Protein backbone atom coordinates (compact mmCIF):
# COMPACT_ATOMS: atom_id res chain seq x y z
CA UNK A 1 -7.86 -34.74 -30.16
CA UNK A 2 -11.01 -35.51 -28.17
CA UNK A 3 -14.21 -33.57 -28.84
CA UNK A 4 -14.17 -32.33 -25.24
CA UNK A 5 -10.71 -30.80 -25.62
CA UNK A 6 -11.70 -29.39 -29.01
CA UNK A 7 -14.79 -27.77 -27.46
CA UNK A 8 -12.67 -26.31 -24.67
CA UNK A 9 -10.15 -24.79 -27.08
CA UNK A 10 -12.84 -23.67 -29.53
CA UNK A 11 -14.83 -21.93 -26.78
CA UNK A 12 -11.75 -20.21 -25.39
CA UNK A 13 -11.54 -18.08 -28.54
CA UNK A 14 -14.55 -16.05 -27.39
CA UNK A 15 -13.03 -15.00 -24.03
CA UNK A 16 -10.38 -12.36 -23.34
CA UNK A 17 -6.89 -13.83 -23.10
CA UNK A 18 -6.72 -12.80 -19.42
CA UNK A 19 -10.06 -14.52 -18.79
CA UNK A 20 -8.73 -17.76 -20.26
CA UNK A 21 -5.57 -17.49 -18.15
CA UNK A 22 -7.70 -17.05 -14.99
CA UNK A 23 -9.28 -20.47 -15.58
CA UNK A 24 -5.93 -22.17 -14.95
CA UNK A 25 -5.09 -22.10 -11.23
CA UNK A 26 -3.22 -25.36 -10.57
CA UNK A 27 -0.44 -26.81 -12.66
CA UNK A 28 -0.97 -30.56 -12.69
CA UNK A 29 1.58 -31.63 -15.28
CA UNK A 30 2.55 -31.58 -18.92
CA UNK A 31 -0.96 -32.09 -20.36
CA UNK A 32 -2.26 -29.24 -18.19
CA UNK A 33 0.53 -26.88 -19.26
CA UNK A 34 0.04 -27.84 -22.91
CA UNK A 35 -3.72 -27.19 -22.70
CA UNK A 36 -3.09 -23.83 -21.04
CA UNK A 37 -0.63 -22.83 -23.76
CA UNK A 38 -2.99 -23.92 -26.54
CA UNK A 39 -5.99 -22.07 -25.01
CA UNK A 40 -4.06 -18.85 -24.43
CA UNK A 41 -2.46 -19.00 -27.89
CA UNK A 42 -5.77 -19.26 -29.76
CA UNK A 43 -5.80 -16.36 -32.27
CA UNK A 44 -7.29 -13.11 -30.96
CA UNK A 45 -9.56 -12.71 -34.00
CA UNK A 46 -12.81 -13.45 -32.15
CA UNK A 47 -11.90 -12.74 -28.54
CA UNK A 48 -14.41 -10.48 -26.80
CA UNK A 49 -12.53 -8.25 -24.33
CA UNK A 50 -15.79 -7.74 -22.38
CA UNK A 51 -15.92 -11.45 -21.49
CA UNK A 52 -13.49 -11.49 -18.59
CA UNK A 53 -13.85 -15.08 -17.34
CA UNK A 54 -14.19 -18.59 -18.73
CA UNK A 55 -15.99 -21.38 -16.89
CA UNK A 56 -16.06 -24.86 -18.43
CA UNK A 57 -17.54 -27.95 -16.87
CA UNK A 58 -20.45 -29.89 -15.50
CA UNK A 59 -19.63 -30.12 -11.78
CA UNK A 60 -22.21 -27.89 -10.04
CA UNK A 61 -20.05 -27.31 -6.97
CA UNK A 62 -16.95 -26.33 -8.96
CA UNK A 63 -18.98 -24.08 -11.28
CA UNK A 64 -20.69 -22.37 -8.33
CA UNK A 65 -17.38 -21.78 -6.58
CA UNK A 66 -15.75 -20.38 -9.73
CA UNK A 67 -18.66 -18.06 -10.56
CA UNK A 68 -18.63 -16.71 -6.99
CA UNK A 69 -15.16 -15.28 -7.77
CA UNK A 70 -16.19 -13.60 -11.04
CA UNK A 71 -16.87 -9.87 -11.18
CA UNK A 72 -17.67 -9.26 -14.86
CA UNK A 73 -19.16 -10.91 -17.91
CA UNK A 74 -18.30 -14.60 -18.20
CA UNK A 75 -18.70 -17.42 -20.70
CA UNK A 76 -19.88 -20.67 -19.13
CA UNK A 77 -19.77 -23.80 -21.29
CA UNK A 78 -21.75 -26.81 -20.12
CA UNK A 79 -22.24 -30.04 -22.00
CA UNK A 80 -24.35 -33.16 -21.72
CA UNK A 81 -25.36 -36.08 -23.90
CA UNK A 82 -23.62 -37.42 -26.97
CA UNK A 83 -26.02 -39.11 -29.37
CA UNK A 84 -24.79 -41.33 -32.18
CA UNK A 85 -26.59 -42.64 -35.23
CA UNK A 86 -25.64 -44.82 -38.17
CA UNK A 87 -26.87 -44.02 -41.67
CA UNK A 88 -27.97 -46.59 -44.24
CA UNK A 89 -24.48 -46.39 -45.79
CA UNK A 90 -22.86 -47.13 -42.39
CA UNK A 91 -21.68 -43.59 -41.59
CA UNK A 92 -21.68 -42.81 -37.86
CA UNK A 93 -22.78 -39.27 -37.00
CA UNK A 94 -22.33 -37.96 -33.45
CA UNK A 95 -24.24 -35.05 -31.90
CA UNK A 96 -22.90 -33.44 -28.73
CA UNK A 97 -25.40 -31.31 -26.80
CA UNK A 98 -23.87 -28.09 -25.46
CA UNK A 99 -25.07 -25.01 -23.61
CA UNK A 100 -23.13 -21.75 -23.70
CA UNK A 101 -24.05 -19.00 -21.30
CA UNK A 102 -22.89 -15.40 -21.30
CA UNK A 103 -23.80 -13.83 -17.96
CA UNK A 104 -22.57 -11.67 -15.14
CA UNK A 105 -23.05 -11.67 -11.39
CA UNK A 106 -25.30 -8.83 -10.32
CA UNK A 107 -25.82 -7.04 -7.03
CA UNK A 108 -29.00 -7.74 -5.11
CA UNK A 109 -30.02 -4.08 -5.16
CA UNK A 110 -30.02 -3.34 -8.89
CA UNK A 111 -33.17 -2.01 -10.49
CA UNK A 112 -34.96 -3.43 -13.52
CA UNK A 113 -33.47 -0.88 -15.93
CA UNK A 114 -29.93 -1.88 -14.89
CA UNK A 115 -30.90 -5.53 -15.24
CA UNK A 116 -32.22 -4.90 -18.77
CA UNK A 117 -28.97 -3.13 -19.77
CA UNK A 118 -26.87 -6.07 -18.57
CA UNK A 119 -29.21 -8.60 -20.20
CA UNK A 120 -28.90 -6.63 -23.45
CA UNK A 121 -25.07 -6.70 -23.28
CA UNK A 122 -25.07 -10.42 -22.58
CA UNK A 123 -27.46 -11.02 -25.49
CA UNK A 124 -25.20 -9.01 -27.83
CA UNK A 125 -22.20 -11.10 -26.79
CA UNK A 126 -24.15 -14.36 -27.16
CA UNK A 127 -25.42 -13.47 -30.65
CA UNK A 128 -21.88 -12.49 -31.73
CA UNK A 129 -20.71 -15.96 -30.68
CA UNK A 130 -23.60 -17.57 -32.55
CA UNK A 131 -22.79 -15.58 -35.71
CA UNK A 132 -19.19 -16.81 -35.55
CA UNK A 133 -20.21 -20.42 -34.90
CA UNK A 134 -22.90 -20.49 -37.57
CA UNK A 135 -20.58 -21.14 -40.48
CA UNK A 136 -17.65 -22.71 -38.65
CA UNK A 137 -16.65 -26.10 -39.93
CA UNK A 138 -13.60 -28.09 -38.88
CA UNK A 139 -12.57 -29.98 -42.03
CA UNK A 140 -9.96 -31.95 -40.10
CA UNK A 141 -12.55 -34.07 -38.31
CA UNK A 142 -15.24 -32.92 -39.86
CA UNK A 143 -17.20 -31.04 -37.19
CA UNK A 144 -20.07 -28.58 -37.51
CA UNK A 145 -19.70 -26.39 -34.41
CA UNK A 146 -23.30 -25.21 -34.46
CA UNK A 147 -26.11 -27.32 -35.81
CA UNK A 148 -29.45 -25.53 -36.09
CA UNK A 149 -31.93 -25.26 -34.50
CA UNK A 150 -30.57 -23.41 -31.48
CA UNK A 151 -32.47 -22.18 -28.46
CA UNK A 152 -31.56 -18.94 -26.73
CA UNK A 153 -33.19 -18.15 -23.41
CA UNK A 154 -32.65 -15.74 -20.52
CA UNK A 155 -30.38 -17.06 -17.78
CA UNK A 156 -31.25 -16.10 -14.21
CA UNK A 157 -29.38 -18.04 -11.55
CA UNK A 158 -29.62 -16.69 -8.01
CA UNK A 159 -27.48 -19.59 -6.75
CA UNK A 160 -24.67 -18.58 -9.13
CA UNK A 161 -23.78 -15.18 -7.64
CA UNK A 162 -27.16 -13.84 -8.71
CA UNK A 163 -26.10 -14.17 -12.37
CA UNK A 164 -28.06 -12.72 -15.26
CA UNK A 165 -27.48 -13.35 -18.95
CA UNK A 166 -28.40 -15.58 -21.86
CA UNK A 167 -27.95 -19.28 -22.60
CA UNK A 168 -27.79 -20.84 -26.04
CA UNK A 169 -28.39 -24.59 -26.38
CA UNK A 170 -27.31 -26.38 -29.52
CA UNK A 171 -25.67 -29.50 -30.89
CA UNK A 172 -22.21 -29.93 -32.31
CA UNK A 173 -22.33 -32.53 -35.04
CA UNK A 174 -19.65 -34.54 -36.76
CA UNK A 175 -18.71 -37.80 -38.39
CA UNK A 176 -17.08 -40.21 -35.93
CA UNK A 177 -16.39 -37.44 -33.35
CA UNK A 178 -16.24 -39.98 -30.53
C-alpha cells in the first residue's frame, strides 16, 4: 500500500465516521469504493465525534471549495515533500512532510472571546491527535507516524471560510516507504 493511501486511512481514524463518509461524493470505480469502505471501517477507538469533516489533499481550489461547505470542526491533511537518505549501511530512510490542521469556519461577526474558545477546542483536538500519533509505529512497513520535532501554530485562513484552528507540521519517517 502506498504511503499516501496509508496516510489517508491513518488520518481518517481521527474524524467522526459521518465526517469520513462526507468526503466521498463521487463513486469512480472499484478502488474508490474499496478506499471508502476501508476509511469508514477504521476502528472507532480514536475517532473524535467533534471533528465532523475530513479534507485531504493539496489542490488549493478543491480544498477551498470543500471547506466552504463545512459547518463544524474539520481535519485537513496536507502533504508536501518526500526526502530520502541512504545510511552508511545502505538503508534508505524516507521522510514525508505533513501538515494536519484542526479548524472550523467562523462567522465574520464573532468576538475575540468566542474566537479564543474555538481556538482552545481546536488545540485540544490537535493535541489529542498528537498524543495518539506520538507512539504509533506500523511494524508492517516500518513507519513512524510522528517524528519529532513537531511545530504547532495557530491557523487563521480568511480565504478558507474564515477558518480558525491549529496546524501541526511534522514528518512521517520509515524505511523504504516509497
